[in-house]
Amino acid sequence: MIRELVTVMEAATLLRRHPETIRQWLRDGRIDGRQIGPGGTWYITAAEIERLSGRTSAGENNIPECCHDGGRI
């Protein structure tokens, strides 16, 4: 079970992506998160992580389509 909110580093680990990829997705609005203060820490809800890491009926994950080939750690 994951906590209600996770940091960018935790999200990167859970989604197997580079932290900067997660930050870029947040800035672009591809994933939902909240930044605390200007230049502050980003937080992503557990529900968003579960949505992104969930599997579709075709067995594919829900990572934004534009990002399937890049941003892996």
Protein backbone atom coordinates (compact mmCIF):
# COMPACT_ATOMS: atom_id res chain seq x y z
CA MET A 1 0.00 0.00 0.00
CA ILE A 2 1.33 3.42 -0.86
CA ARG A 3 0.77 6.64 1.08
CA GLU A 4 -1.87 9.19 0.08
CA LEU A 5 0.78 11.51 -1.43
CA VAL A 6 4.13 10.66 -2.98
CA THR A 7 7.09 12.80 -4.02
CA VAL A 8 8.55 12.97 -7.50
CA MET A 9 11.37 10.62 -6.49
CA GLU A 10 8.92 8.08 -5.10
CA ALA A 11 6.70 8.37 -8.19
CA ALA A 12 9.73 7.89 -10.45
CA THR A 13 10.64 4.71 -8.60
CA LEU A 14 7.09 3.37 -8.66
CA LEU A 15 6.59 4.17 -12.36
CA ARG A 16 10.14 3.21 -13.37
CA ARG A 17 10.80 6.57 -14.98
CA HIS A 18 13.45 9.24 -14.45
CA PRO A 19 12.47 11.91 -11.88
CA GLU A 20 12.89 14.67 -14.49
CA THR A 21 10.39 12.86 -16.73
CA ILE A 22 7.87 12.92 -13.88
CA ARG A 23 8.52 16.65 -13.33
CA GLN A 24 8.03 17.36 -17.03
CA TRP A 25 4.75 15.42 -17.08
CA LEU A 26 3.62 17.47 -14.07
CA ARG A 27 4.55 20.78 -15.71
CA ASP A 28 2.84 19.75 -18.95
CA GLY A 29 -0.32 18.63 -17.12
CA ARG A 30 -0.01 15.04 -18.37
CA ILE A 31 -0.27 13.79 -14.81
CA ASP A 32 -2.01 15.44 -11.88
CA GLY A 33 0.00 16.75 -8.96
CA ARG A 34 0.43 19.76 -6.72
CA GLN A 35 3.50 21.89 -6.14
CA ILE A 36 3.87 23.39 -2.68
CA GLY A 37 5.15 26.95 -3.16
CA PRO A 38 7.02 28.36 -6.14
CA GLY A 39 9.86 26.02 -6.99
CA GLY A 40 8.77 23.74 -4.15
CA THR A 41 8.28 20.01 -3.88
CA TRP A 42 5.74 18.33 -6.15
CA TYR A 43 3.31 15.82 -4.67
CA ILE A 44 1.29 13.27 -6.61
CA THR A 45 -1.71 11.41 -5.20
CA ALA A 46 -1.63 7.68 -4.72
CA ALA A 47 -4.70 7.46 -6.95
CA GLU A 48 -2.78 9.12 -9.81
CA ILE A 49 0.13 6.69 -9.37
CA GLU A 50 -2.30 3.78 -9.39
CA ARG A 51 -4.01 5.16 -12.51
CA LEU A 52 -0.69 5.47 -14.32
CA SER A 53 0.65 2.11 -13.22
CA GLY A 54 -2.63 0.25 -13.77
CA ARG A 55 -2.99 -2.19 -16.64
CA THR A 56 -5.52 -1.88 -19.41
CA SER A 57 -7.44 -4.86 -20.76
CA ALA A 58 -4.80 -5.11 -23.51
CA GLY A 59 -2.11 -5.44 -20.84
CA GLU A 60 -0.59 -2.01 -21.49
CA ASN A 61 0.06 0.56 -18.80
CA ASN A 62 -1.50 4.01 -18.67
CA ILE A 63 1.71 6.01 -19.04
CA PRO A 64 1.05 9.02 -21.31
CA GLU A 65 1.31 7.88 -24.95
CA CYS A 66 3.94 10.43 -25.90
CA CYS A 67 6.25 9.08 -23.25
CA HIS A 68 6.40 5.32 -23.85
CA ASP A 69 9.83 5.33 -25.46
CA GLY A 70 11.64 7.83 -23.28
CA GLY A 71 12.35 8.80 -19.75
CA ARG A 72 13.24 5.40 -18.39
CA ILE A 73 15.77 5.17 -15.62
